[in-house]
């Protein structure tokens, strides 16, 4: 994360204003045309600048991702419209759609359709106007922009023929004749190119502002192989050709491959469903074929949830935080080991919300110290103010915050140590990963998610107190289930602090003892190799 700075030479109207100076990654430099970008933060206040710089950094990265996406698509072609074959393919699709909408129930709509087919006057201006609007609507949905007049004029007679042919099929069916219309056999079944290219639709979806990290983010990384596997399985790239029956076959195929039902629901169905929803909202699709497809055998939660730390595991981790750390790790990593587990234990916050903290995010509000979790770094994109538990204050956590404030650096990482990674994998993510490895590899706690386990333990402890569920939901960043009224009014800091005081302290005897000297035990070559294989196996399984 860059830090705000003031240029030595003030620029006219913006004297003493803080700026962001961000290095352009090598992969974007040819597109941006610079190796470094400056942007004003529009403030002379250091705290405000610290709050704005994270947003400005994310905005710059998003702009560069959009440039890269446009470059991959190539120069925008002139408005040429659809190919000749595609127009006749639309005629066939329209014919089938109108026919199938009425043919299933003989006797319930044939009279009206017969009357309409026999009495329609092609010379009626109202019919012509409706046909023109129909053609424009279809072409706009297909092209994503207003069509050329020549395309509209080409498509209008084809739509008229499709409608008359479909009405004729329905009329014949009313007499018991369900033979395939010979005209359909003459029309093309496929298009010259996909109507909605699945991979292109996926990239458009991931480039939306609400998708965390954009095209290089965790959502894109996890879902891109899913979309590629789906294209390989269905043997085409046209999302418009995918039917609900295809979606059901895809679900059953993944289950037959041994994929866990929960993973099928949350990944293998969720990825194409989200992309199709985005195309549906953009009016590029008429239906979402994955909507409503469920996976049996998946429970929302278990009666005895084993995903939180038990008391012994929590004691092991919290005791290790005050042990003498190795001299080989950085000061920031030492601080992360010392404080992040405690903060997670007393707030129930997500680990990345804590490892990304700046000194300006720890503020005194109405006499109470609080963690101010910024919207751009929280899962729900909402600002949260969580009081600092008194046990953290007694451990002199604020003194550490003031040290970092004087240095002008984040609490648990140093931007100077950045190695030029992608914006979707910032330093605070790496800090969280290193903490997880420390819990698994050094403390040997492997049956619980090493960072997320604190959230489950926090909720478990809360249930044994008199804390109000609505305020607990707010503090740990959950959507309140207490009804509509829970969304009314503000959560005042004094009220939150009163609730936080009800949360019991963790009793850790190691806090009252001087830190033991570090025992430097050397691992054998066999142990090093075994640990390396164990880490590789866990990464593969994840």
Protein backbone atom coordinates (compact mmCIF):
# COMPACT_ATOMS: atom_id res chain seq x y z
CA UNK A 1 0.00 0.00 0.00
CA UNK A 2 1.52 3.41 -0.96
CA UNK A 3 1.80 6.10 1.69
CA UNK A 4 0.59 9.71 1.21
CA UNK A 5 3.25 12.31 0.44
CA UNK A 6 3.49 16.03 -0.19
CA UNK A 7 5.40 17.18 -3.28
CA UNK A 8 8.32 19.48 -2.53
CA UNK A 9 7.11 21.88 -5.21
CA UNK A 10 3.51 22.86 -4.65
CA UNK A 11 1.36 22.95 -7.78
CA UNK A 12 -0.57 26.19 -7.89
CA UNK A 13 -4.03 25.53 -6.45
CA UNK A 14 -3.05 22.50 -4.35
CA UNK A 15 -0.45 23.65 -1.86
CA UNK A 16 0.37 21.24 1.02
CA UNK A 17 -2.03 18.67 -0.45
CA UNK A 18 -1.25 14.98 -0.04
CA UNK A 19 -0.80 12.80 -3.15
CA UNK A 20 -0.60 9.11 -3.96
CA UNK A 21 2.43 7.97 -5.96
CA UNK A 22 1.95 4.44 -7.27
CA UNK A 23 4.32 2.33 -9.31
CA UNK A 24 2.78 0.89 -12.48
CA UNK A 25 3.31 -2.91 -12.69
CA UNK A 26 5.43 -4.00 -15.67
CA UNK A 27 2.48 -5.76 -17.34
CA UNK A 28 0.52 -2.47 -17.55
CA UNK A 29 3.29 0.02 -18.44
CA UNK A 30 2.90 -0.21 -22.20
CA UNK A 31 -0.84 0.50 -21.83
CA UNK A 32 -0.52 3.28 -19.26
CA UNK A 33 2.50 4.86 -20.92
CA UNK A 34 4.20 5.56 -17.57
CA UNK A 35 6.21 3.74 -14.94
CA UNK A 36 4.67 5.75 -12.09
CA UNK A 37 1.33 7.52 -11.60
CA UNK A 38 0.61 10.49 -9.33
CA UNK A 39 -2.88 11.48 -8.21
CA UNK A 40 -4.02 14.14 -5.77
CA UNK A 41 -5.85 12.98 -2.64
CA UNK A 42 -7.55 16.42 -2.34
CA UNK A 43 -6.76 16.90 1.35
CA UNK A 44 -4.16 18.51 3.57
CA UNK A 45 -5.08 16.34 6.58
CA UNK A 46 -2.83 13.31 7.16
CA UNK A 47 -5.56 11.10 8.63
CA UNK A 48 -7.94 11.82 5.78
CA UNK A 49 -5.14 11.11 3.30
CA UNK A 50 -4.45 7.75 4.96
CA UNK A 51 -8.13 6.86 4.61
CA UNK A 52 -8.35 7.98 0.97
CA UNK A 53 -5.14 6.46 -0.31
CA UNK A 54 -6.42 2.87 -0.12
CA UNK A 55 -9.45 3.79 -2.24
CA UNK A 56 -7.28 5.70 -4.73
CA UNK A 57 -4.90 2.74 -5.00
CA UNK A 58 -7.74 0.32 -5.75
CA UNK A 59 -9.21 2.73 -8.33
CA UNK A 60 -5.89 2.95 -10.17
CA UNK A 61 -5.52 -0.81 -10.26
CA UNK A 62 -9.08 -1.14 -11.59
CA UNK A 63 -8.36 1.40 -14.35
CA UNK A 64 -5.29 -0.58 -15.41
CA UNK A 65 -7.29 -3.85 -15.42
CA UNK A 66 -9.90 -2.26 -17.71
CA UNK A 67 -7.14 -1.11 -20.07
CA UNK A 68 -5.74 -4.64 -20.15
CA UNK A 69 -9.19 -6.11 -20.84
CA UNK A 70 -9.78 -3.70 -23.72
CA UNK A 71 -6.34 -4.50 -25.13
CA UNK A 72 -7.12 -8.24 -25.07
CA UNK A 73 -10.31 -7.62 -27.01
CA UNK A 74 -8.42 -5.68 -29.65
CA UNK A 75 -9.54 -2.50 -31.44
CA UNK A 76 -13.28 -1.97 -31.52
CA UNK A 77 -14.65 -3.00 -34.89
CA UNK A 78 -16.97 -0.69 -36.80
CA UNK A 79 -20.69 -1.28 -36.38
CA UNK A 80 -21.04 -4.09 -38.93
CA UNK A 81 -23.90 -5.90 -37.22
CA UNK A 82 -24.65 -9.60 -37.45
CA UNK A 83 -23.60 -11.87 -40.30
CA UNK A 84 -26.14 -12.99 -42.90
CA UNK A 85 -26.20 -16.53 -41.45
CA UNK A 86 -26.79 -15.17 -37.95
CA UNK A 87 -29.94 -13.32 -39.04
CA UNK A 88 -31.45 -16.53 -40.43
CA UNK A 89 -30.38 -18.37 -37.25
CA UNK A 90 -32.37 -15.77 -35.30
CA UNK A 91 -35.36 -16.52 -37.54
CA UNK A 92 -35.11 -20.20 -36.64
CA UNK A 93 -34.72 -19.48 -32.89
CA UNK A 94 -37.71 -17.10 -32.95
CA UNK A 95 -39.87 -19.62 -34.81
CA UNK A 96 -39.10 -22.35 -32.26
CA UNK A 97 -39.60 -20.05 -29.28
CA UNK A 98 -43.06 -18.85 -30.40
CA UNK A 99 -44.13 -22.37 -31.37
CA UNK A 100 -42.99 -23.97 -28.10
CA UNK A 101 -44.67 -21.26 -26.01
CA UNK A 102 -48.14 -22.36 -27.26
CA UNK A 103 -47.92 -25.89 -28.59
CA UNK A 104 -47.76 -27.80 -25.30
CA UNK A 105 -51.45 -27.32 -24.36
CA UNK A 106 -53.75 -28.08 -27.34
CA UNK A 107 -57.15 -26.42 -27.08
CA UNK A 108 -56.19 -23.55 -24.73
CA UNK A 109 -54.87 -20.99 -27.20
CA UNK A 110 -55.38 -22.26 -30.70
CA UNK A 111 -58.51 -20.22 -31.42
CA UNK A 112 -56.82 -16.89 -30.71
CA UNK A 113 -53.69 -17.89 -32.61
CA UNK A 114 -55.70 -19.02 -35.64
CA UNK A 115 -57.66 -15.78 -35.67
CA UNK A 116 -54.43 -13.74 -35.39
CA UNK A 117 -52.71 -15.72 -38.15
CA UNK A 118 -55.67 -15.37 -40.55
CA UNK A 119 -56.64 -11.76 -39.91
CA UNK A 120 -53.24 -10.08 -39.51
CA UNK A 121 -52.85 -7.33 -42.08
CA UNK A 122 -49.23 -6.80 -43.08
CA UNK A 123 -50.14 -3.38 -44.49
CA UNK A 124 -51.46 -2.12 -41.16
CA UNK A 125 -49.09 0.69 -39.93
CA UNK A 126 -49.48 -0.56 -36.35
CA UNK A 127 -48.22 -4.01 -37.31
CA UNK A 128 -45.28 -2.52 -39.18
CA UNK A 129 -44.36 -0.31 -36.23
CA UNK A 130 -44.54 -3.25 -33.81
CA UNK A 131 -42.39 -5.37 -36.12
CA UNK A 132 -39.80 -2.59 -36.39
CA UNK A 133 -39.62 -2.27 -32.60
CA UNK A 134 -39.35 -6.04 -32.21
CA UNK A 135 -36.42 -6.23 -34.64
CA UNK A 136 -34.62 -3.32 -32.92
CA UNK A 137 -35.08 -4.91 -29.50
CA UNK A 138 -33.62 -8.24 -30.64
CA UNK A 139 -30.64 -6.66 -32.43
CA UNK A 140 -29.88 -4.33 -29.51
CA UNK A 141 -29.82 -7.31 -27.15
CA UNK A 142 -27.60 -9.26 -29.55
CA UNK A 143 -25.12 -6.47 -30.26
CA UNK A 144 -25.16 -4.66 -26.94
CA UNK A 145 -25.72 -1.36 -28.79
CA UNK A 146 -28.30 0.25 -31.15
CA UNK A 147 -28.28 -1.58 -34.52
CA UNK A 148 -27.71 -0.16 -37.99
CA UNK A 149 -30.85 0.59 -40.03
CA UNK A 150 -29.84 -1.90 -42.74
CA UNK A 151 -29.77 -4.70 -40.15
CA UNK A 152 -33.24 -3.78 -38.91
CA UNK A 153 -34.67 -3.88 -42.43
CA UNK A 154 -33.07 -7.28 -43.12
CA UNK A 155 -34.40 -8.83 -39.93
CA UNK A 156 -38.01 -7.57 -40.08
CA UNK A 157 -39.26 -9.90 -42.87
CA UNK A 158 -37.44 -12.83 -41.26
CA UNK A 159 -39.25 -12.22 -37.98
CA UNK A 160 -42.57 -11.93 -39.79
CA UNK A 161 -41.92 -15.28 -41.49
CA UNK A 162 -40.89 -16.84 -38.17
CA UNK A 163 -44.09 -15.70 -36.51
CA UNK A 164 -46.35 -16.93 -39.34
CA UNK A 165 -44.51 -20.25 -39.46
CA UNK A 166 -44.87 -20.74 -35.72
CA UNK A 167 -48.59 -19.89 -35.83
CA UNK A 168 -48.97 -22.39 -38.66
CA UNK A 169 -47.26 -25.09 -36.56
CA UNK A 170 -49.59 -24.40 -33.64
CA UNK A 171 -52.64 -24.53 -35.91
CA UNK A 172 -51.52 -27.88 -37.37
CA UNK A 173 -50.88 -29.22 -33.86
CA UNK A 174 -54.47 -28.38 -32.92
CA UNK A 175 -55.48 -30.91 -35.60
CA UNK A 176 -53.04 -33.51 -34.24
CA UNK A 177 -50.26 -32.84 -36.77
CA UNK A 178 -46.97 -32.41 -34.89
CA UNK A 179 -44.59 -32.94 -37.82
CA UNK A 180 -41.46 -30.80 -37.92
CA UNK A 181 -41.88 -27.72 -40.10
CA UNK A 182 -39.89 -28.18 -43.31
CA UNK A 183 -38.83 -24.53 -43.24
CA UNK A 184 -36.84 -25.11 -40.05
CA UNK A 185 -34.71 -27.71 -41.83
CA UNK A 186 -33.62 -25.07 -44.35
CA UNK A 187 -32.51 -22.54 -41.70
CA UNK A 188 -29.05 -22.66 -40.05
CA UNK A 189 -28.89 -24.23 -36.59
CA UNK A 190 -25.63 -22.51 -35.64
CA UNK A 191 -24.20 -19.02 -35.90
CA UNK A 192 -20.95 -17.80 -37.36
CA UNK A 193 -19.80 -16.88 -33.83
CA UNK A 194 -21.20 -17.36 -30.31
CA UNK A 195 -24.11 -15.14 -29.42
CA UNK A 196 -22.68 -14.71 -25.91
CA UNK A 197 -19.11 -15.99 -25.66
CA UNK A 198 -18.82 -17.66 -22.26
CA UNK A 199 -15.21 -16.66 -21.59
CA UNK A 200 -15.76 -13.09 -22.74
CA UNK A 201 -18.83 -12.90 -20.51
CA UNK A 202 -16.72 -14.19 -17.59
CA UNK A 203 -14.09 -11.48 -18.14
CA UNK A 204 -16.79 -8.81 -18.30
CA UNK A 205 -18.25 -10.13 -15.05
CA UNK A 206 -14.88 -10.10 -13.26
CA UNK A 207 -14.12 -6.56 -14.44
CA UNK A 208 -17.13 -5.19 -12.52
CA UNK A 209 -16.30 -2.89 -9.58
CA UNK A 210 -18.04 -5.15 -7.06
CA UNK A 211 -15.82 -8.16 -7.88
CA UNK A 212 -12.94 -8.26 -5.43
CA UNK A 213 -9.56 -7.91 -7.13
CA UNK A 214 -10.95 -7.75 -10.68
CA UNK A 215 -9.47 -10.05 -13.32
CA UNK A 216 -6.52 -10.98 -11.07
CA UNK A 217 -8.52 -11.29 -7.86
CA UNK A 218 -9.44 -14.35 -5.79
CA UNK A 219 -12.87 -14.74 -7.41
CA UNK A 220 -11.41 -14.75 -10.93
CA UNK A 221 -8.60 -17.12 -9.94
CA UNK A 222 -10.98 -19.62 -8.39
CA UNK A 223 -13.67 -19.46 -11.09
CA UNK A 224 -11.63 -19.21 -14.32
CA UNK A 225 -10.70 -22.96 -14.29
CA UNK A 226 -14.38 -23.74 -13.64
CA UNK A 227 -15.49 -21.79 -16.74
CA UNK A 228 -12.75 -23.39 -18.85
CA UNK A 229 -13.80 -26.86 -17.64
CA UNK A 230 -17.44 -26.08 -18.44
CA UNK A 231 -16.55 -24.98 -22.01
CA UNK A 232 -14.52 -28.17 -22.48
CA UNK A 233 -17.43 -30.28 -21.21
CA UNK A 234 -20.25 -28.66 -23.20
CA UNK A 235 -18.09 -28.44 -26.37
CA UNK A 236 -19.07 -24.90 -27.41
CA UNK A 237 -18.64 -21.32 -26.14
CA UNK A 238 -22.16 -19.89 -26.63
CA UNK A 239 -23.85 -19.18 -23.30
CA UNK A 240 -27.14 -18.47 -25.12
CA UNK A 241 -27.26 -22.12 -26.26
CA UNK A 242 -26.98 -23.48 -22.73
CA UNK A 243 -30.32 -24.85 -21.46
CA UNK A 244 -31.55 -25.70 -17.93
CA UNK A 245 -31.22 -29.35 -18.97
CA UNK A 246 -27.52 -28.70 -19.72
CA UNK A 247 -27.15 -27.12 -16.26
CA UNK A 248 -28.67 -30.21 -14.60
CA UNK A 249 -26.40 -32.53 -16.62
CA UNK A 250 -23.39 -30.38 -15.63
CA UNK A 251 -24.35 -30.65 -11.95
CA UNK A 252 -24.77 -34.43 -12.17
CA UNK A 253 -21.51 -34.79 -14.12
CA UNK A 254 -19.49 -32.94 -11.47
CA UNK A 255 -21.02 -35.02 -8.67
CA UNK A 256 -20.17 -38.19 -10.64
CA UNK A 257 -16.54 -36.99 -10.76
CA UNK A 258 -16.36 -37.18 -6.97
CA UNK A 259 -16.69 -33.44 -6.31
CA UNK A 260 -18.29 -32.74 -2.92
CA UNK A 261 -21.92 -31.57 -3.20
CA UNK A 262 -21.13 -28.35 -1.33
CA UNK A 263 -18.29 -27.55 -3.76
CA UNK A 264 -20.60 -28.27 -6.70
CA UNK A 265 -23.13 -25.81 -5.31
CA UNK A 266 -20.72 -23.07 -4.19
CA UNK A 267 -18.18 -23.24 -7.04
CA UNK A 268 -19.05 -25.39 -10.05
CA UNK A 269 -22.63 -24.11 -10.32
CA UNK A 270 -22.10 -20.69 -8.73
CA UNK A 271 -19.50 -19.56 -11.29
CA UNK A 272 -21.55 -20.06 -14.50
CA UNK A 273 -24.73 -18.95 -12.69
CA UNK A 274 -23.18 -15.61 -11.69
CA UNK A 275 -21.85 -15.00 -15.20
CA UNK A 276 -25.26 -15.82 -16.72
CA UNK A 277 -26.97 -13.50 -14.22
CA UNK A 278 -24.65 -10.67 -15.27
CA UNK A 279 -25.48 -11.27 -18.95
CA UNK A 280 -29.19 -11.45 -18.11
CA UNK A 281 -29.01 -8.08 -16.36
CA UNK A 282 -27.15 -6.67 -19.38
CA UNK A 283 -30.04 -7.89 -21.61
CA UNK A 284 -27.70 -10.24 -23.48
CA UNK A 285 -29.58 -13.37 -22.35
CA UNK A 286 -33.28 -14.14 -22.11
CA UNK A 287 -33.02 -16.70 -19.27
CA UNK A 288 -30.42 -17.85 -16.76
CA UNK A 289 -30.21 -21.61 -17.36
CA UNK A 290 -28.53 -22.18 -13.97
CA UNK A 291 -31.17 -20.35 -11.92
CA UNK A 292 -32.98 -22.59 -9.44
CA UNK A 293 -30.67 -25.59 -9.97
CA UNK A 294 -30.09 -27.04 -6.51
CA UNK A 295 -27.74 -29.69 -5.13
CA UNK A 296 -29.22 -32.25 -2.76
CA UNK A 297 -27.38 -33.36 0.33
CA UNK A 298 -25.87 -29.96 1.25
CA UNK A 299 -26.66 -28.63 4.71
CA UNK A 300 -26.42 -24.93 5.43
CA UNK A 301 -24.67 -25.65 8.74
CA UNK A 302 -23.88 -28.50 11.08
CA UNK A 303 -25.48 -28.98 14.48
CA UNK A 304 -22.04 -29.31 16.09
CA UNK A 305 -19.84 -26.92 14.16
CA UNK A 306 -16.21 -27.98 14.54
CA UNK A 307 -14.67 -25.10 12.61
CA UNK A 308 -13.73 -23.00 15.65
CA UNK A 309 -10.76 -23.38 18.00
CA UNK A 310 -11.36 -25.34 21.16
CA UNK A 311 -10.13 -23.79 24.46
CA UNK A 312 -6.85 -25.72 24.40
CA UNK A 313 -6.03 -24.63 20.85
CA UNK A 314 -6.86 -20.99 21.63
CA UNK A 315 -4.63 -21.14 24.71
CA UNK A 316 -1.78 -22.64 22.66
CA UNK A 317 -1.92 -19.86 20.06
CA UNK A 318 -2.35 -16.98 22.52
CA UNK A 319 0.49 -18.32 24.68
CA UNK A 320 2.73 -18.53 21.62
CA UNK A 321 2.08 -14.85 20.82
CA UNK A 322 4.12 -13.76 23.85
CA UNK A 323 6.97 -16.21 23.28
CA UNK A 324 10.33 -14.92 22.12
CA UNK A 325 10.22 -14.87 18.31
CA UNK A 326 13.00 -15.83 15.96
CA UNK A 327 15.55 -13.14 15.13
CA UNK A 328 15.14 -14.04 11.45
CA UNK A 329 11.64 -12.59 10.99
CA UNK A 330 10.83 -8.93 10.39
CA UNK A 331 9.59 -6.53 13.06
CA UNK A 332 6.21 -6.35 11.35
CA UNK A 333 5.82 -10.14 11.30
CA UNK A 334 6.76 -10.29 14.98
CA UNK A 335 4.04 -7.72 15.68
CA UNK A 336 1.54 -9.65 13.57
CA UNK A 337 2.17 -12.81 15.60
CA UNK A 338 1.95 -10.84 18.83
CA UNK A 339 -1.26 -8.89 18.16
CA UNK A 340 -3.36 -10.26 15.26
CA UNK A 341 -4.53 -13.45 17.04
CA UNK A 342 -5.54 -11.41 20.09
CA UNK A 343 -7.42 -8.83 18.01
CA UNK A 344 -9.24 -11.57 16.07
CA UNK A 345 -10.06 -13.32 19.35
CA UNK A 346 -11.60 -10.17 20.84
CA UNK A 347 -13.41 -8.84 17.73
CA UNK A 348 -14.39 -11.84 15.60
CA UNK A 349 -13.13 -9.85 12.61
CA UNK A 350 -11.80 -11.43 9.43
CA UNK A 351 -8.04 -11.72 9.46
CA UNK A 352 -7.49 -9.52 6.37
CA UNK A 353 -9.53 -6.75 8.01
CA UNK A 354 -6.95 -6.77 10.80
CA UNK A 355 -3.69 -7.33 8.91
CA UNK A 356 -4.56 -4.35 6.65
CA UNK A 357 -4.94 -1.91 9.56
CA UNK A 358 -3.24 1.48 9.47
CA UNK A 359 -2.48 3.49 12.62
CA UNK A 360 -5.21 5.91 11.53
CA UNK A 361 -7.69 3.01 11.72
CA UNK A 362 -7.27 2.87 15.49
CA UNK A 363 -9.07 5.96 16.79
CA UNK A 364 -10.45 7.31 20.04
CA UNK A 365 -14.16 8.04 19.55
CA UNK A 366 -16.19 9.58 22.40
CA UNK A 367 -13.57 8.43 24.88
CA UNK A 368 -13.38 4.83 23.58
CA UNK A 369 -10.57 3.33 21.50
CA UNK A 370 -11.98 1.68 18.37
CA UNK A 371 -10.90 -0.23 15.30
CA UNK A 372 -12.34 1.62 12.28
CA UNK A 373 -12.64 -1.02 9.56
CA UNK A 374 -12.76 0.74 6.18
CA UNK A 375 -15.50 -0.19 3.66
CA UNK A 376 -13.07 -0.95 0.84
CA UNK A 377 -11.40 -3.66 2.95
CA UNK A 378 -14.46 -5.30 4.51
CA UNK A 379 -16.47 -8.09 2.92
CA UNK A 380 -19.78 -6.24 3.07
CA UNK A 381 -18.27 -2.92 1.90
CA UNK A 382 -19.54 -1.23 5.07
CA UNK A 383 -17.73 0.91 7.61
CA UNK A 384 -17.56 -0.74 11.03
CA UNK A 385 -16.41 0.69 14.35
CA UNK A 386 -15.43 -2.04 16.79
CA UNK A 387 -14.33 -1.07 20.33
CA UNK A 388 -10.91 -2.26 21.47
CA UNK A 389 -11.33 -4.79 24.29
CA UNK A 390 -9.93 -3.61 27.63
CA UNK A 391 -7.63 -6.63 27.80
CA UNK A 392 -5.85 -5.38 24.67
CA UNK A 393 -5.49 -1.95 26.25
CA UNK A 394 -4.01 -3.56 29.39
CA UNK A 395 -1.44 -5.33 27.18
CA UNK A 396 -0.35 -1.89 25.87
CA UNK A 397 -1.60 -2.38 22.33
CA UNK A 398 -2.14 1.37 21.91
CA UNK A 399 1.54 2.00 22.70
CA UNK A 400 2.45 -0.18 19.70
CA UNK A 401 -0.05 1.71 17.53
CA UNK A 402 1.57 5.02 18.49
CA UNK A 403 5.00 3.66 17.57
CA UNK A 404 3.77 2.82 14.07
CA UNK A 405 1.97 6.15 13.83
CA UNK A 406 5.25 7.98 14.40
CA UNK A 407 6.91 5.87 11.72
CA UNK A 408 4.01 6.55 9.32
CA UNK A 409 3.69 2.85 8.48
CA UNK A 410 0.86 0.27 8.63
CA UNK A 411 0.57 -1.83 11.77
CA UNK A 412 1.56 -5.23 10.43
CA UNK A 413 3.44 -4.77 7.17
CA UNK A 414 6.00 -2.43 5.65
CA UNK A 415 5.33 -1.09 2.09
CA UNK A 416 9.09 -0.80 1.60
CA UNK A 417 9.32 -4.60 1.67
CA UNK A 418 6.82 -5.01 -1.19
CA UNK A 419 8.13 -7.16 -4.03
CA UNK A 420 5.94 -5.76 -6.82
CA UNK A 421 3.13 -8.30 -6.51
CA UNK A 422 -0.29 -7.92 -8.11
CA UNK A 423 -2.85 -5.60 -6.59
CA UNK A 424 -5.16 -8.54 -6.00
CA UNK A 425 -2.55 -10.06 -3.61
CA UNK A 426 -1.54 -7.15 -1.35
CA UNK A 427 0.97 -7.42 1.45
CA UNK A 428 -1.62 -7.84 4.17
CA UNK A 429 -2.87 -11.01 2.45
CA UNK A 430 0.67 -12.39 2.66
CA UNK A 431 0.82 -11.51 6.35
CA UNK A 432 -2.38 -13.49 6.94
CA UNK A 433 -0.97 -16.44 4.96
CA UNK A 434 2.26 -16.42 7.01
CA UNK A 435 0.22 -16.40 10.23
CA UNK A 436 -1.73 -19.40 8.99
CA UNK A 437 1.49 -21.25 8.18
CA UNK A 438 2.84 -20.42 11.64
CA UNK A 439 -0.26 -21.90 13.33
CA UNK A 440 -0.22 -25.03 11.16
CA UNK A 441 3.49 -25.75 10.84
CA UNK A 442 4.93 -24.47 14.11
CA UNK A 443 2.01 -24.83 16.54
CA UNK A 444 0.73 -28.00 14.77
CA UNK A 445 -2.96 -26.97 14.75
CA UNK A 446 -4.14 -28.46 11.49
CA UNK A 447 -7.80 -29.44 11.97
CA UNK A 448 -9.17 -25.85 12.03
CA UNK A 449 -8.75 -22.97 9.60
CA UNK A 450 -5.81 -21.20 11.30
CA UNK A 451 -7.18 -17.65 11.00
CA UNK A 452 -10.93 -18.06 10.46
CA UNK A 453 -11.26 -20.27 13.53
CA UNK A 454 -11.29 -17.14 15.72
CA UNK A 455 -14.59 -15.96 14.18
CA UNK A 456 -16.31 -19.23 15.07
CA UNK A 457 -14.86 -19.21 18.58
CA UNK A 458 -15.93 -15.58 19.08
CA UNK A 459 -19.55 -16.39 18.18
CA UNK A 460 -19.45 -19.46 20.43
CA UNK A 461 -18.30 -17.38 23.41
CA UNK A 462 -20.84 -14.63 22.66
CA UNK A 463 -23.71 -17.11 22.98
CA UNK A 464 -22.75 -17.64 26.63
CA UNK A 465 -22.93 -13.92 27.46
CA UNK A 466 -25.71 -11.32 27.62
CA UNK A 467 -24.42 -9.47 24.56
CA UNK A 468 -27.17 -8.36 22.14
CA UNK A 469 -27.17 -10.50 18.95
CA UNK A 470 -27.86 -7.49 16.71
CA UNK A 471 -24.76 -5.63 17.97
CA UNK A 472 -22.64 -8.78 17.84
CA UNK A 473 -23.63 -9.23 14.18
CA UNK A 474 -22.56 -5.67 13.48
CA UNK A 475 -19.21 -5.92 15.27
CA UNK A 476 -18.09 -9.11 13.51
CA UNK A 477 -19.47 -8.04 10.12
CA UNK A 478 -22.46 -10.36 9.72
CA UNK A 479 -25.81 -9.38 8.21
CA UNK A 480 -28.20 -9.10 11.16
CA UNK A 481 -30.99 -11.70 11.28
CA UNK A 482 -32.89 -9.80 13.98
CA UNK A 483 -35.50 -8.44 11.54
CA UNK A 484 -36.02 -5.22 9.59
CA UNK A 485 -35.70 -3.07 12.71
CA UNK A 486 -32.04 -4.06 13.06
CA UNK A 487 -31.23 -1.86 10.07
CA UNK A 488 -32.71 1.26 11.69
CA UNK A 489 -30.61 3.77 13.61
CA UNK A 490 -26.88 4.02 14.26
CA UNK A 491 -24.74 1.81 16.45
CA UNK A 492 -23.28 4.34 18.87
CA UNK A 493 -19.74 3.67 20.06
CA UNK A 494 -20.58 3.95 23.80
CA UNK A 495 -23.30 1.32 23.35
CA UNK A 496 -20.90 -0.96 21.46
CA UNK A 497 -18.22 -0.46 24.13
CA UNK A 498 -20.70 -1.46 26.83
CA UNK A 499 -21.43 -4.66 24.92
CA UNK A 500 -17.75 -5.40 24.33
CA UNK A 501 -17.14 -5.13 28.08
CA UNK A 502 -19.40 -8.19 28.51
CA UNK A 503 -17.03 -10.35 26.47
CA UNK A 504 -14.88 -12.36 28.93
CA UNK A 505 -11.10 -12.22 29.01
CA UNK A 506 -8.95 -15.07 27.78
CA UNK A 507 -6.94 -16.41 30.71
CA UNK A 508 -3.40 -16.95 29.44
CA UNK A 509 -0.85 -17.61 32.23
CA UNK A 510 2.04 -16.90 29.82
CA UNK A 511 1.12 -13.18 29.94
CA UNK A 512 2.23 -13.01 33.57
CA UNK A 513 5.55 -14.74 33.01
CA UNK A 514 8.70 -13.29 31.43
CA UNK A 515 9.16 -14.52 27.86
CA UNK A 516 11.23 -17.66 27.68
CA UNK A 517 14.41 -17.54 25.59
CA UNK A 518 14.06 -18.82 22.05
CA UNK A 519 14.98 -22.46 21.65
CA UNK A 520 16.67 -22.74 18.29
CA UNK A 521 16.26 -26.35 17.25
CA UNK A 522 17.71 -27.41 13.95
CA UNK A 523 15.63 -29.62 11.69
CA UNK A 524 17.20 -32.60 10.01
CA UNK A 525 17.28 -32.73 6.19
CA UNK A 526 14.63 -35.45 6.38
CA UNK A 527 12.36 -33.24 8.50
CA UNK A 528 12.83 -30.29 6.13
CA UNK A 529 11.89 -32.48 3.15
CA UNK A 530 8.87 -33.89 5.02
CA UNK A 531 7.63 -30.41 5.97
CA UNK A 532 8.04 -29.24 2.38
CA UNK A 533 6.04 -32.19 1.05
CA UNK A 534 3.36 -31.59 3.68
CA UNK A 535 2.96 -27.92 2.63
CA UNK A 536 2.81 -28.89 -1.05
CA UNK A 537 0.11 -31.47 -0.32
CA UNK A 538 -2.00 -28.92 1.57
CA UNK A 539 -1.72 -26.39 -1.27
CA UNK A 540 -2.79 -29.05 -3.78
CA UNK A 541 -5.75 -30.06 -1.61
CA UNK A 542 -6.82 -26.40 -1.24
